[in-house]
Each structure stands twice: as structure tokens, then as C-alpha cells.
Amino acid sequence: IFIHGSIGTGKTQVIMYLLDEIKRAGDVAIVYDKECTLKPYFFNEATDKELNPLSVLCENWDIWKECKTPIEMGSLATYLMPKAVQGSDPFWVDAARTIFATVAWKMRDQPDKNVIKLLQVLLTTSLDELRGILKGTEAENLVSKDIEKTAISIRAVMATYTKSLRFLEGLDKDKSKEPFAIRDWIQEQLASDAKQKGWLF
């Protein structure tokens, strides 16, 4: 359903009516509430989950729990770093995606891994260290000594697109919150016999 209209025409009221029906039916829902206008009316702390790093209720979203294969990590990199504008060279974004996905996947077995450590490895370690991490992978040639200026430019592209991940800093400090994955949450809701399914905000 696509709802379109100028300010004050009742779009939010229609959406709230639809959400009310979904809630009454007990169905699962994912609510993208950018302005936080819907949460006060529909969020139930007992059943629902929130992904908003500015909220104390934010779940401890974990990219390694979310991405269970290298292909899925590559898909995450694709969404995180969209294609450049038409007419520009796609190499820079593709290279940044490759390095991001490769380093993130290599970190998966580290017991103390987190997003900030991932960003530090990607953006602030020396190129020599990064070469060591990427040795033997498909991303190795992208940080070669022969193309050091190119590697620096790729890192600049990566820095532009990955800075949003810094908002995740500290989510893992609350040890009472298990690492959270959207895919697992969806499967749990669909398999649940609960009369009222949870919502993800």
C-alpha cells in the first residue's frame, strides 16, 4: 500500500489505523519510524524490540550474528555502501565493499570483536597491518604496496560510508542483552504460538 499526500491530509492517521489492525490481528511487523511518531502509541516493551542506538532500549545488534556466511557479509557491505552516482567509476565502491566484507568475516571468530574494533582495523591501522590481515584473500591486491595511493583512496570511500556504524558503539556494554540479529528475531516470531507477535521498531 502506497500512501501519498501533502502535510495535514491524514497519512499518519491512515498508517496508525492499519497498524492498529495488524496489532489486533496479532501479526508480526517491522515499523520504520524515523520520526518516532508511532512508537509512543504502539511500542510494547514486553513483546517488542527496538533498533535505535539513541534509545536505552536499543537491542545489541551484531553484524556477525546477522551474517552467517561470507556471501551475507558481502550483501551487508552492498547495502552499507551503495553504488556511486551514474557515470562515476564503480571500482572505488566495489573495492571498499570487498575489503569491508573480507575483514569483517575474518574477525568473526575473535572473542572480543565489536564494530568499533572493526572500524579501527579498516580505517586507522597501517596499510602494512591491513595487508597482513588481507593476505591470501580476494582483497589482498586492493592494498598492495604497488598501488598505495589507490588503497588510501579506497579507505577514504570506506570511511564515508561506514561512519554510521559508529552509532553502534557501546551497545554491547549491557551484558544482560544478548547479541541480536533481525533474521533470528523474524524466525522466532514466525515460529511462535503467541497470540500477540512482537514488533520491531
N, C-alpha and C. Protein backbone atom coordinates (compact mmCIF):
# COMPACT_ATOMS: atom_id res chain seq x y z
N ILE A 1 0.86 -1.18 0.00
CA ILE A 1 0.00 0.00 0.00
C ILE A 1 0.89 1.23 0.00
N PHE A 2 0.69 2.10 -0.93
CA PHE A 2 1.46 3.34 -1.01
C PHE A 2 0.54 4.49 -0.63
N ILE A 3 0.96 5.24 0.39
CA ILE A 3 0.15 6.36 0.87
C ILE A 3 0.87 7.66 0.55
N HIS A 4 0.20 8.53 -0.20
CA HIS A 4 0.82 9.77 -0.65
C HIS A 4 -0.13 10.94 -0.39
N GLY A 5 0.44 12.04 0.06
CA GLY A 5 -0.40 13.22 0.28
C GLY A 5 0.41 14.32 0.93
N SER A 6 -0.06 15.54 0.82
CA SER A 6 0.67 16.67 1.40
C SER A 6 0.46 16.70 2.92
N ILE A 7 1.16 17.60 3.58
CA ILE A 7 1.11 17.72 5.04
C ILE A 7 -0.33 18.01 5.49
N GLY A 8 -0.77 17.26 6.51
CA GLY A 8 -2.08 17.52 7.09
C GLY A 8 -3.23 16.80 6.43
N THR A 9 -2.94 15.91 5.47
CA THR A 9 -4.03 15.22 4.77
C THR A 9 -4.44 13.93 5.46
N GLY A 10 -3.71 13.53 6.52
CA GLY A 10 -4.13 12.35 7.28
C GLY A 10 -3.35 11.08 6.99
N LYS A 11 -2.16 11.19 6.39
CA LYS A 11 -1.36 9.99 6.08
C LYS A 11 -1.05 9.20 7.35
N THR A 12 -0.59 9.90 8.38
CA THR A 12 -0.21 9.23 9.62
C THR A 12 -1.42 8.55 10.25
N GLN A 13 -2.57 9.18 10.16
CA GLN A 13 -3.78 8.59 10.74
C GLN A 13 -4.13 7.28 10.03
N VAL A 14 -3.98 7.26 8.72
CA VAL A 14 -4.26 6.03 7.96
C VAL A 14 -3.28 4.93 8.34
N ILE A 15 -2.00 5.30 8.44
CA ILE A 15 -0.97 4.32 8.82
C ILE A 15 -1.26 3.78 10.22
N MET A 16 -1.65 4.66 11.15
CA MET A 16 -1.96 4.21 12.51
C MET A 16 -3.18 3.29 12.52
N TYR A 17 -4.12 3.56 11.66
CA TYR A 17 -5.30 2.68 11.56
C TYR A 17 -4.87 1.29 11.09
N LEU A 18 -4.00 1.25 10.08
CA LEU A 18 -3.52 -0.03 9.57
C LEU A 18 -2.71 -0.78 10.63
N LEU A 19 -1.85 -0.06 11.35
CA LEU A 19 -1.06 -0.69 12.40
C LEU A 19 -1.95 -1.23 13.52
N ASP A 20 -3.00 -0.50 13.80
CA ASP A 20 -3.95 -0.95 14.82
C ASP A 20 -4.58 -2.27 14.42
N GLU A 21 -4.91 -2.40 13.15
CA GLU A 21 -5.49 -3.65 12.64
C GLU A 21 -4.48 -4.80 12.71
N ILE A 22 -3.22 -4.49 12.36
CA ILE A 22 -2.16 -5.51 12.42
C ILE A 22 -1.94 -5.97 13.86
N LYS A 23 -1.93 -5.01 14.78
CA LYS A 23 -1.76 -5.32 16.21
C LYS A 23 -2.92 -6.16 16.72
N ARG A 24 -4.13 -5.79 16.33
CA ARG A 24 -5.32 -6.51 16.77
C ARG A 24 -5.32 -7.95 16.25
N ALA A 25 -4.77 -8.13 15.05
CA ALA A 25 -4.71 -9.48 14.48
C ALA A 25 -3.57 -10.31 15.10
N GLY A 26 -2.69 -9.65 15.86
CA GLY A 26 -1.59 -10.37 16.50
C GLY A 26 -0.43 -10.64 15.57
N ASP A 27 -0.40 -9.98 14.41
CA ASP A 27 0.64 -10.25 13.41
C ASP A 27 1.96 -9.56 13.75
N VAL A 28 3.03 -10.13 13.22
CA VAL A 28 4.36 -9.56 13.38
C VAL A 28 4.51 -8.37 12.42
N ALA A 29 5.33 -7.38 12.81
CA ALA A 29 5.52 -6.21 11.95
C ALA A 29 6.90 -5.60 12.19
N ILE A 30 7.43 -4.99 11.16
CA ILE A 30 8.64 -4.17 11.27
C ILE A 30 8.22 -2.74 10.96
N VAL A 31 8.42 -1.84 11.91
CA VAL A 31 7.95 -0.46 11.78
C VAL A 31 9.15 0.46 11.67
N TYR A 32 9.32 1.07 10.49
CA TYR A 32 10.39 2.05 10.30
C TYR A 32 9.81 3.41 10.67
N ASP A 33 10.13 3.83 11.87
CA ASP A 33 9.51 5.03 12.46
C ASP A 33 10.56 6.11 12.62
N LYS A 34 10.97 6.71 11.52
CA LYS A 34 12.09 7.66 11.51
C LYS A 34 11.87 8.84 12.45
N GLU A 35 10.66 9.32 12.53
CA GLU A 35 10.37 10.50 13.36
C GLU A 35 9.93 10.12 14.77
N CYS A 36 9.88 8.81 15.08
CA CYS A 36 9.42 8.33 16.40
C CYS A 36 8.02 8.85 16.74
N THR A 37 7.16 8.89 15.73
CA THR A 37 5.79 9.33 15.98
C THR A 37 4.86 8.16 16.28
N LEU A 38 5.23 6.96 15.86
CA LEU A 38 4.37 5.79 16.03
C LEU A 38 4.70 5.02 17.31
N LYS A 39 5.96 5.05 17.71
CA LYS A 39 6.39 4.27 18.87
C LYS A 39 5.57 4.55 20.13
N PRO A 40 5.28 5.81 20.48
CA PRO A 40 4.53 6.07 21.72
C PRO A 40 3.16 5.39 21.75
N TYR A 41 2.58 5.14 20.59
CA TYR A 41 1.24 4.55 20.52
C TYR A 41 1.25 3.03 20.45
N PHE A 42 2.33 2.45 19.89
CA PHE A 42 2.29 1.02 19.59
C PHE A 42 3.37 0.19 20.28
N PHE A 43 4.44 0.80 20.75
CA PHE A 43 5.54 0.01 21.30
C PHE A 43 5.16 -0.63 22.62
N ASN A 44 5.38 -1.94 22.71
CA ASN A 44 5.12 -2.69 23.94
C ASN A 44 6.45 -3.27 24.40
N GLU A 45 6.96 -2.77 25.50
CA GLU A 45 8.28 -3.17 25.97
C GLU A 45 8.36 -4.66 26.29
N ALA A 46 7.23 -5.27 26.60
CA ALA A 46 7.21 -6.69 26.96
C ALA A 46 7.38 -7.61 25.75
N THR A 47 6.95 -7.15 24.57
CA THR A 47 6.96 -8.03 23.40
C THR A 47 7.80 -7.49 22.24
N ASP A 48 8.02 -6.17 22.20
CA ASP A 48 8.63 -5.57 21.02
C ASP A 48 10.12 -5.31 21.20
N LYS A 49 10.80 -5.11 20.08
CA LYS A 49 12.23 -4.82 20.07
C LYS A 49 12.45 -3.49 19.36
N GLU A 50 13.52 -2.80 19.77
CA GLU A 50 13.83 -1.51 19.16
C GLU A 50 15.27 -1.48 18.67
N LEU A 51 15.44 -1.00 17.45
CA LEU A 51 16.78 -0.78 16.90
C LEU A 51 16.95 0.72 16.67
N ASN A 52 17.37 1.39 17.70
CA ASN A 52 17.61 2.83 17.66
C ASN A 52 18.74 3.11 18.65
N PRO A 53 19.96 3.33 18.15
CA PRO A 53 21.10 3.49 19.05
C PRO A 53 21.01 4.68 20.00
N LEU A 54 20.03 5.56 19.78
CA LEU A 54 19.85 6.70 20.67
C LEU A 54 18.88 6.39 21.81
N SER A 55 18.35 5.17 21.81
CA SER A 55 17.40 4.76 22.84
C SER A 55 18.06 3.78 23.81
N VAL A 56 17.71 3.88 25.09
CA VAL A 56 18.26 2.95 26.09
C VAL A 56 17.72 1.54 25.87
N LEU A 57 16.64 1.42 25.11
CA LEU A 57 16.03 0.11 24.85
C LEU A 57 16.62 -0.58 23.62
N CYS A 58 17.57 0.07 22.97
CA CYS A 58 18.12 -0.48 21.72
C CYS A 58 18.73 -1.85 21.94
N GLU A 59 18.42 -2.76 21.04
CA GLU A 59 18.99 -4.11 21.09
C GLU A 59 20.48 -4.07 20.71
N ASN A 60 21.20 -5.06 21.16
CA ASN A 60 22.62 -5.18 20.86
C ASN A 60 22.79 -5.86 19.50
N TRP A 61 22.50 -5.09 18.42
CA TRP A 61 22.58 -5.67 17.07
C TRP A 61 24.02 -6.04 16.75
N ASP A 62 24.20 -7.25 16.22
CA ASP A 62 25.52 -7.80 15.99
C ASP A 62 25.66 -8.25 14.54
N ILE A 63 26.59 -7.63 13.80
CA ILE A 63 26.70 -7.96 12.37
C ILE A 63 27.17 -9.38 12.15
N TRP A 64 27.91 -9.95 13.10
CA TRP A 64 28.41 -11.32 12.93
C TRP A 64 27.32 -12.35 13.20
N LYS A 65 26.37 -12.00 14.04
CA LYS A 65 25.23 -12.89 14.26
C LYS A 65 24.26 -12.77 13.08
N GLU A 66 24.19 -11.57 12.51
CA GLU A 66 23.29 -11.33 11.38
C GLU A 66 23.80 -12.02 10.11
N CYS A 67 25.10 -11.98 9.89
CA CYS A 67 25.69 -12.52 8.66
C CYS A 67 26.38 -13.84 8.96
N LYS A 68 25.78 -14.92 8.53
CA LYS A 68 26.29 -16.26 8.87
C LYS A 68 27.19 -16.84 7.80
N THR A 69 27.33 -16.18 6.66
CA THR A 69 28.20 -16.66 5.58
C THR A 69 28.94 -15.46 4.98
N PRO A 70 30.04 -15.70 4.27
CA PRO A 70 30.74 -14.59 3.60
C PRO A 70 29.84 -13.87 2.59
N ILE A 71 28.95 -14.62 1.96
CA ILE A 71 28.04 -14.01 0.97
C ILE A 71 27.11 -13.00 1.66
N GLU A 72 26.62 -13.36 2.82
CA GLU A 72 25.74 -12.46 3.56
C GLU A 72 26.50 -11.23 4.04
N MET A 73 27.77 -11.42 4.42
CA MET A 73 28.57 -10.27 4.82
C MET A 73 28.79 -9.34 3.62
N GLY A 74 28.97 -9.95 2.45
CA GLY A 74 29.10 -9.15 1.22
C GLY A 74 27.82 -8.39 0.91
N SER A 75 26.68 -9.02 1.17
CA SER A 75 25.39 -8.34 0.95
C SER A 75 25.23 -7.16 1.89
N LEU A 76 25.66 -7.33 3.15
CA LEU A 76 25.62 -6.22 4.10
C LEU A 76 26.47 -5.06 3.61
N ALA A 77 27.67 -5.38 3.11
CA ALA A 77 28.56 -4.34 2.58
C ALA A 77 27.91 -3.62 1.40
N THR A 78 27.16 -4.36 0.59
CA THR A 78 26.48 -3.77 -0.58
C THR A 78 25.42 -2.76 -0.14
N TYR A 79 24.67 -3.10 0.89
CA TYR A 79 23.64 -2.17 1.38
C TYR A 79 24.26 -0.98 2.11
N LEU A 80 25.36 -1.24 2.80
CA LEU A 80 26.03 -0.19 3.57
C LEU A 80 26.69 0.83 2.65
N MET A 81 27.22 0.34 1.52
CA MET A 81 27.93 1.21 0.58
C MET A 81 27.25 1.14 -0.78
N PRO A 82 26.27 1.97 -1.03
CA PRO A 82 25.53 1.92 -2.30
C PRO A 82 26.39 2.33 -3.47
N LYS A 83 25.96 1.92 -4.65
CA LYS A 83 26.69 2.27 -5.87
C LYS A 83 26.82 3.77 -6.01
N ALA A 84 27.94 4.17 -6.59
CA ALA A 84 28.18 5.60 -6.81
C ALA A 84 27.20 6.13 -7.84
N VAL A 85 27.13 7.46 -7.94
CA VAL A 85 26.22 8.09 -8.90
C VAL A 85 26.58 7.65 -10.31
N GLN A 86 25.57 7.68 -11.17
CA GLN A 86 25.76 7.23 -12.55
C GLN A 86 26.86 8.05 -13.24
N GLY A 87 27.71 7.32 -13.93
CA GLY A 87 28.79 7.97 -14.66
C GLY A 87 30.12 7.93 -13.93
N SER A 88 30.09 7.66 -12.63
CA SER A 88 31.34 7.57 -11.87
C SER A 88 31.86 6.14 -11.89
N ASP A 89 33.13 5.98 -11.60
CA ASP A 89 33.78 4.68 -11.66
C ASP A 89 33.31 3.81 -10.49
N PRO A 90 32.69 2.64 -10.76
CA PRO A 90 32.20 1.79 -9.66
C PRO A 90 33.32 1.09 -8.89
N PHE A 91 34.55 1.16 -9.41
CA PHE A 91 35.67 0.45 -8.78
C PHE A 91 35.82 0.80 -7.31
N TRP A 92 35.72 2.09 -6.98
CA TRP A 92 36.02 2.54 -5.62
C TRP A 92 35.06 1.95 -4.60
N VAL A 93 33.77 1.96 -4.92
CA VAL A 93 32.78 1.40 -4.00
C VAL A 93 32.90 -0.12 -3.95
N ASP A 94 33.10 -0.75 -5.11
CA ASP A 94 33.24 -2.21 -5.14
C ASP A 94 34.46 -2.66 -4.32
N ALA A 95 35.55 -1.93 -4.45
CA ALA A 95 36.77 -2.26 -3.70
C ALA A 95 36.55 -2.08 -2.20
N ALA A 96 35.89 -0.99 -1.81
CA ALA A 96 35.61 -0.75 -0.40
C ALA A 96 34.72 -1.85 0.18
N ARG A 97 33.73 -2.27 -0.60
CA ARG A 97 32.85 -3.37 -0.16
C ARG A 97 33.64 -4.65 0.06
N THR A 98 34.53 -4.95 -0.87
CA THR A 98 35.32 -6.17 -0.79
C THR A 98 36.19 -6.19 0.45
N ILE A 99 36.88 -5.08 0.71
CA ILE A 99 37.74 -5.01 1.89
C ILE A 99 36.91 -5.11 3.17
N PHE A 100 35.80 -4.37 3.23
CA PHE A 100 34.95 -4.40 4.41
C PHE A 100 34.47 -5.81 4.70
N ALA A 101 33.90 -6.47 3.70
CA ALA A 101 33.34 -7.81 3.90
C ALA A 101 34.42 -8.82 4.28
N THR A 102 35.60 -8.70 3.67
CA THR A 102 36.68 -9.65 3.95
C THR A 102 37.20 -9.50 5.37
N VAL A 103 37.46 -8.25 5.78
CA VAL A 103 37.97 -8.02 7.14
C VAL A 103 36.92 -8.41 8.18
N ALA A 104 35.67 -8.03 7.97
CA ALA A 104 34.61 -8.36 8.92
C ALA A 104 34.48 -9.88 9.07
N TRP A 105 34.54 -10.59 7.96
CA TRP A 105 34.39 -12.04 8.02
C TRP A 105 35.58 -12.68 8.73
N LYS A 106 36.77 -12.14 8.51
CA LYS A 106 37.96 -12.69 9.17
C LYS A 106 37.93 -12.47 10.68
N MET A 107 37.22 -11.44 11.12
CA MET A 107 37.14 -11.13 12.56
C MET A 107 36.11 -11.98 13.30
N ARG A 108 35.32 -12.75 12.59
CA ARG A 108 34.15 -13.40 13.19
C ARG A 108 34.46 -14.30 14.38
N ASP A 109 35.66 -14.90 14.41
CA ASP A 109 36.00 -15.83 15.49
C ASP A 109 36.73 -15.17 16.65
N GLN A 110 36.97 -13.87 16.56
CA GLN A 110 37.66 -13.18 17.65
C GLN A 110 36.68 -12.96 18.82
N PRO A 111 37.04 -13.42 20.01
CA PRO A 111 36.09 -13.33 21.14
C PRO A 111 35.76 -11.90 21.57
N ASP A 112 36.68 -10.97 21.33
CA ASP A 112 36.46 -9.58 21.77
C ASP A 112 36.09 -8.65 20.63
N LYS A 113 35.57 -9.21 19.55
CA LYS A 113 35.24 -8.38 18.39
C LYS A 113 34.05 -7.46 18.69
N ASN A 114 34.06 -6.31 18.06
CA ASN A 114 32.91 -5.41 18.05
C ASN A 114 33.05 -4.47 16.87
N VAL A 115 32.02 -3.69 16.62
CA VAL A 115 32.00 -2.85 15.42
C VAL A 115 33.10 -1.79 15.46
N ILE A 116 33.39 -1.23 16.63
CA ILE A 116 34.41 -0.19 16.72
C ILE A 116 35.78 -0.76 16.40
N LYS A 117 36.07 -1.96 16.88
CA LYS A 117 37.35 -2.60 16.55
C LYS A 117 37.43 -2.88 15.05
N LEU A 118 36.31 -3.28 14.46
CA LEU A 118 36.27 -3.49 13.01
C LEU A 118 36.61 -2.20 12.28
N LEU A 119 36.00 -1.08 12.69
CA LEU A 119 36.27 0.20 12.04
C LEU A 119 37.73 0.64 12.24
N GLN A 120 38.27 0.35 13.40
CA GLN A 120 39.67 0.70 13.64
C GLN A 120 40.60 -0.06 12.70
N VAL A 121 40.33 -1.34 12.52
CA VAL A 121 41.14 -2.16 11.60
C VAL A 121 41.00 -1.63 10.17
N LEU A 122 39.78 -1.32 9.78
CA LEU A 122 39.53 -0.88 8.40
C LEU A 122 40.10 0.50 8.11
N LEU A 123 40.03 1.41 9.08
CA LEU A 123 40.28 2.82 8.78
C LEU A 123 41.52 3.42 9.42
N THR A 124 42.00 2.85 10.50
CA THR A 124 43.11 3.52 11.20
C THR A 124 44.38 2.68 11.35
N THR A 125 44.32 1.39 11.10
CA THR A 125 45.56 0.61 11.16
C THR A 125 46.44 0.98 9.97
N SER A 126 47.72 0.70 10.08
CA SER A 126 48.61 0.99 8.96
C SER A 126 48.28 0.07 7.79
N LEU A 127 48.63 0.52 6.60
CA LEU A 127 48.39 -0.30 5.42
C LEU A 127 49.16 -1.61 5.49
N ASP A 128 50.34 -1.59 6.12
CA ASP A 128 51.11 -2.83 6.28
C ASP A 128 50.33 -3.85 7.11
N GLU A 129 49.71 -3.36 8.21
CA GLU A 129 48.90 -4.27 9.04
C GLU A 129 47.70 -4.79 8.26
N LEU A 130 47.08 -3.90 7.52
CA LEU A 130 45.91 -4.31 6.74
C LEU A 130 46.29 -5.33 5.67
N ARG A 131 47.47 -5.15 5.08
CA ARG A 131 47.96 -6.14 4.11
C ARG A 131 48.12 -7.50 4.76
N GLY A 132 48.64 -7.51 5.98
CA GLY A 132 48.81 -8.77 6.70
C GLY A 132 47.49 -9.47 6.95
N ILE A 133 46.47 -8.69 7.31
CA ILE A 133 45.15 -9.26 7.59
C ILE A 133 44.52 -9.82 6.31
N LEU A 134 44.73 -9.11 5.20
CA LEU A 134 44.09 -9.49 3.94
C LEU A 134 44.92 -10.46 3.10
N LYS A 135 46.08 -10.83 3.58
CA LYS A 135 46.96 -11.72 2.82
C LYS A 135 46.25 -13.04 2.51
N GLY A 136 46.30 -13.42 1.25
CA GLY A 136 45.69 -14.67 0.83
C GLY A 136 44.21 -14.59 0.54
N THR A 137 43.63 -13.37 0.60
CA THR A 137 42.20 -13.20 0.32
C THR A 137 42.01 -12.48 -1.02
N GLU A 138 40.77 -12.40 -1.45
CA GLU A 138 40.46 -11.71 -2.71
C GLU A 138 40.70 -10.21 -2.63
N ALA A 139 40.83 -9.69 -1.41
CA ALA A 139 41.05 -8.25 -1.22
C ALA A 139 42.52 -7.88 -1.12
N GLU A 140 43.41 -8.86 -1.14
CA GLU A 140 44.84 -8.60 -0.93
C GLU A 140 45.40 -7.58 -1.91
N ASN A 141 45.07 -7.73 -3.18
CA ASN A 141 45.64 -6.85 -4.21
C ASN A 141 45.16 -5.40 -4.10
N LEU A 142 44.05 -5.19 -3.39
CA LEU A 142 43.49 -3.84 -3.27
C LEU A 142 44.30 -2.96 -2.32
N VAL A 143 45.17 -3.58 -1.51
CA VAL A 143 46.01 -2.80 -0.59
C VAL A 143 47.50 -3.05 -0.86
N SER A 144 47.80 -3.49 -2.06
CA SER A 144 49.18 -3.79 -2.44
C SER A 144 50.06 -2.54 -2.33
N LYS A 145 51.35 -2.76 -2.02
CA LYS A 145 52.31 -1.65 -1.95
C LYS A 145 52.44 -0.96 -3.30
N ASP A 146 52.19 -1.70 -4.37
CA ASP A 146 52.32 -1.14 -5.72
C ASP A 146 51.25 -0.09 -6.02
N ILE A 147 50.15 -0.13 -5.29
CA ILE A 147 49.06 0.82 -5.54
C ILE A 147 48.64 1.49 -4.23
N GLU A 148 49.62 1.96 -3.47
CA GLU A 148 49.34 2.50 -2.14
C GLU A 148 48.39 3.70 -2.19
N LYS A 149 48.54 4.56 -3.17
CA LYS A 149 47.64 5.72 -3.28
C LYS A 149 46.21 5.26 -3.55
N THR A 150 46.09 4.21 -4.33
CA THR A 150 44.76 3.65 -4.60
C THR A 150 44.14 3.12 -3.31
N ALA A 151 44.95 2.41 -2.52
CA ALA A 151 44.47 1.86 -1.25
C ALA A 151 43.99 2.96 -0.31
N ILE A 152 44.72 4.07 -0.28
CA ILE A 152 44.33 5.21 0.57
C ILE A 152 42.99 5.78 0.10
N SER A 153 42.81 5.86 -1.20
CA SER A 153 41.54 6.37 -1.74
C SER A 153 40.38 5.43 -1.43
N ILE A 154 40.63 4.13 -1.51
CA ILE A 154 39.59 3.15 -1.18
C ILE A 154 39.17 3.31 0.27
N ARG A 155 40.16 3.52 1.15
CA ARG A 155 39.85 3.71 2.57
C ARG A 155 39.02 4.97 2.78
N ALA A 156 39.28 6.00 2.02
CA ALA A 156 38.51 7.24 2.14
C ALA A 156 37.04 6.99 1.78
N VAL A 157 36.82 6.20 0.73
CA VAL A 157 35.45 5.85 0.33
C VAL A 157 34.79 5.05 1.46
N MET A 158 35.53 4.08 2.00
CA MET A 158 35.00 3.25 3.08
C MET A 158 34.65 4.08 4.30
N ALA A 159 35.49 5.04 4.63
CA ALA A 159 35.23 5.90 5.79
C ALA A 159 33.94 6.68 5.62
N THR A 160 33.67 7.13 4.40
CA THR A 160 32.46 7.90 4.12
C THR A 160 31.21 7.09 4.41
N TYR A 161 31.21 5.83 3.99
CA TYR A 161 30.01 5.01 4.10
C TYR A 161 29.87 4.26 5.42
N THR A 162 30.96 4.01 6.13
CA THR A 162 30.87 3.20 7.35
C THR A 162 30.75 4.03 8.63
N LYS A 163 30.82 5.35 8.52
CA LYS A 163 30.78 6.18 9.73
C LYS A 163 29.48 6.00 10.50
N SER A 164 28.40 5.60 9.82
CA SER A 164 27.13 5.38 10.52
C SER A 164 27.24 4.25 11.54
N LEU A 165 28.17 3.31 11.33
CA LEU A 165 28.33 2.20 12.26
C LEU A 165 28.84 2.65 13.62
N ARG A 166 29.39 3.86 13.68
CA ARG A 166 29.88 4.36 14.97
C ARG A 166 28.74 4.55 15.97
N PHE A 167 27.52 4.69 15.47
CA PHE A 167 26.37 4.83 16.37
C PHE A 167 26.13 3.56 17.17
N LEU A 168 26.72 2.44 16.73
CA LEU A 168 26.54 1.18 17.44
C LEU A 168 27.48 1.04 18.63
N GLU A 169 28.38 2.00 18.79
CA GLU A 169 29.36 1.93 19.88
C GLU A 169 28.66 1.86 21.23
N GLY A 170 29.08 0.90 22.03
CA GLY A 170 28.56 0.78 23.39
C GLY A 170 27.35 -0.11 23.55
N LEU A 171 26.73 -0.56 22.46
CA LEU A 171 25.54 -1.39 22.58
C LEU A 171 25.85 -2.72 23.25
N ASP A 172 27.11 -3.16 23.15
CA ASP A 172 27.49 -4.45 23.72
C ASP A 172 27.90 -4.34 25.20
N LYS A 173 27.87 -3.13 25.76
CA LYS A 173 28.30 -2.96 27.15
C LYS A 173 27.29 -3.52 28.15
N ASP A 174 26.02 -3.51 27.79
CA ASP A 174 24.99 -4.08 28.66
C ASP A 174 25.01 -5.60 28.50
N LYS A 175 25.67 -6.28 29.42
CA LYS A 175 25.86 -7.72 29.31
C LYS A 175 24.57 -8.51 29.48
N SER A 176 23.51 -7.82 29.93
CA SER A 176 22.22 -8.52 30.05
C SER A 176 21.54 -8.69 28.69
N LYS A 177 22.03 -7.95 27.69
CA LYS A 177 21.45 -8.05 26.35
C LYS A 177 22.30 -8.96 25.48
N GLU A 178 21.68 -10.03 25.01
CA GLU A 178 22.36 -10.95 24.10
C GLU A 178 22.54 -10.27 22.75
N PRO A 179 23.55 -10.68 21.97
CA PRO A 179 23.66 -10.17 20.59
C PRO A 179 22.37 -10.44 19.83
N PHE A 180 21.94 -9.45 19.06
CA PHE A 180 20.64 -9.50 18.39
C PHE A 180 20.83 -9.56 16.87
N ALA A 181 20.04 -10.41 16.22
CA ALA A 181 20.03 -10.49 14.75
C ALA A 181 18.59 -10.41 14.27
N ILE A 182 18.34 -9.56 13.30
CA ILE A 182 16.99 -9.38 12.78
C ILE A 182 16.46 -10.69 12.20
N ARG A 183 17.31 -11.42 11.47
CA ARG A 183 16.89 -12.67 10.83
C ARG A 183 16.40 -13.67 11.87
N ASP A 184 17.14 -13.79 12.98
CA ASP A 184 16.74 -14.74 14.03
C ASP A 184 15.45 -14.30 14.70
N TRP A 185 15.31 -12.99 14.92
CA TRP A 185 14.10 -12.47 15.55
C TRP A 185 12.87 -12.77 14.68
N ILE A 186 12.99 -12.57 13.37
CA ILE A 186 11.87 -12.83 12.46
C ILE A 186 11.48 -14.30 12.51
N GLN A 187 12.48 -15.19 12.47
CA GLN A 187 12.20 -16.62 12.53
C GLN A 187 11.53 -17.01 13.84
N GLU A 188 11.97 -16.42 14.94
CA GLU A 188 11.37 -16.70 16.24
C GLU A 188 9.90 -16.26 16.27
N GLN A 189 9.63 -15.08 15.71
CA GLN A 189 8.25 -14.59 15.71
C GLN A 189 7.33 -15.46 14.85
N LEU A 190 7.83 -15.88 13.69
CA LEU A 190 7.01 -16.69 12.80
C LEU A 190 6.75 -18.08 13.38
N ALA A 191 7.71 -18.57 14.19
CA ALA A 191 7.56 -19.90 14.78
C ALA A 191 6.78 -19.86 16.09
N SER A 192 6.56 -18.67 16.62
CA SER A 192 5.92 -18.53 17.93
C SER A 192 4.42 -18.82 17.88
N ASP A 193 3.92 -19.41 18.95
CA ASP A 193 2.48 -19.66 19.07
C ASP A 193 1.78 -18.54 19.84
N ALA A 194 2.53 -17.51 20.20
CA ALA A 194 1.95 -16.42 20.98
C ALA A 194 0.81 -15.75 20.23
N LYS A 195 -0.23 -15.39 20.98
CA LYS A 195 -1.37 -14.73 20.36
C LYS A 195 -0.98 -13.38 19.79
N GLN A 196 -0.07 -12.69 20.49
CA GLN A 196 0.40 -11.39 20.03
C GLN A 196 1.88 -11.48 19.67
N LYS A 197 2.19 -11.38 18.39
CA LYS A 197 3.58 -11.43 17.93
C LYS A 197 4.27 -10.10 18.25
N GLY A 198 5.58 -10.15 18.39
CA GLY A 198 6.34 -8.95 18.65
C GLY A 198 6.51 -8.09 17.41
N TRP A 199 6.82 -6.82 17.63
CA TRP A 199 7.10 -5.89 16.55
C TRP A 199 8.55 -5.40 16.70
N LEU A 200 9.13 -5.07 15.58
CA LEU A 200 10.49 -4.50 15.58
C LEU A 200 10.40 -3.05 15.12
N PHE A 201 10.85 -2.14 15.99
CA PHE A 201 10.83 -0.71 15.66
C PHE A 201 12.23 -0.25 15.32
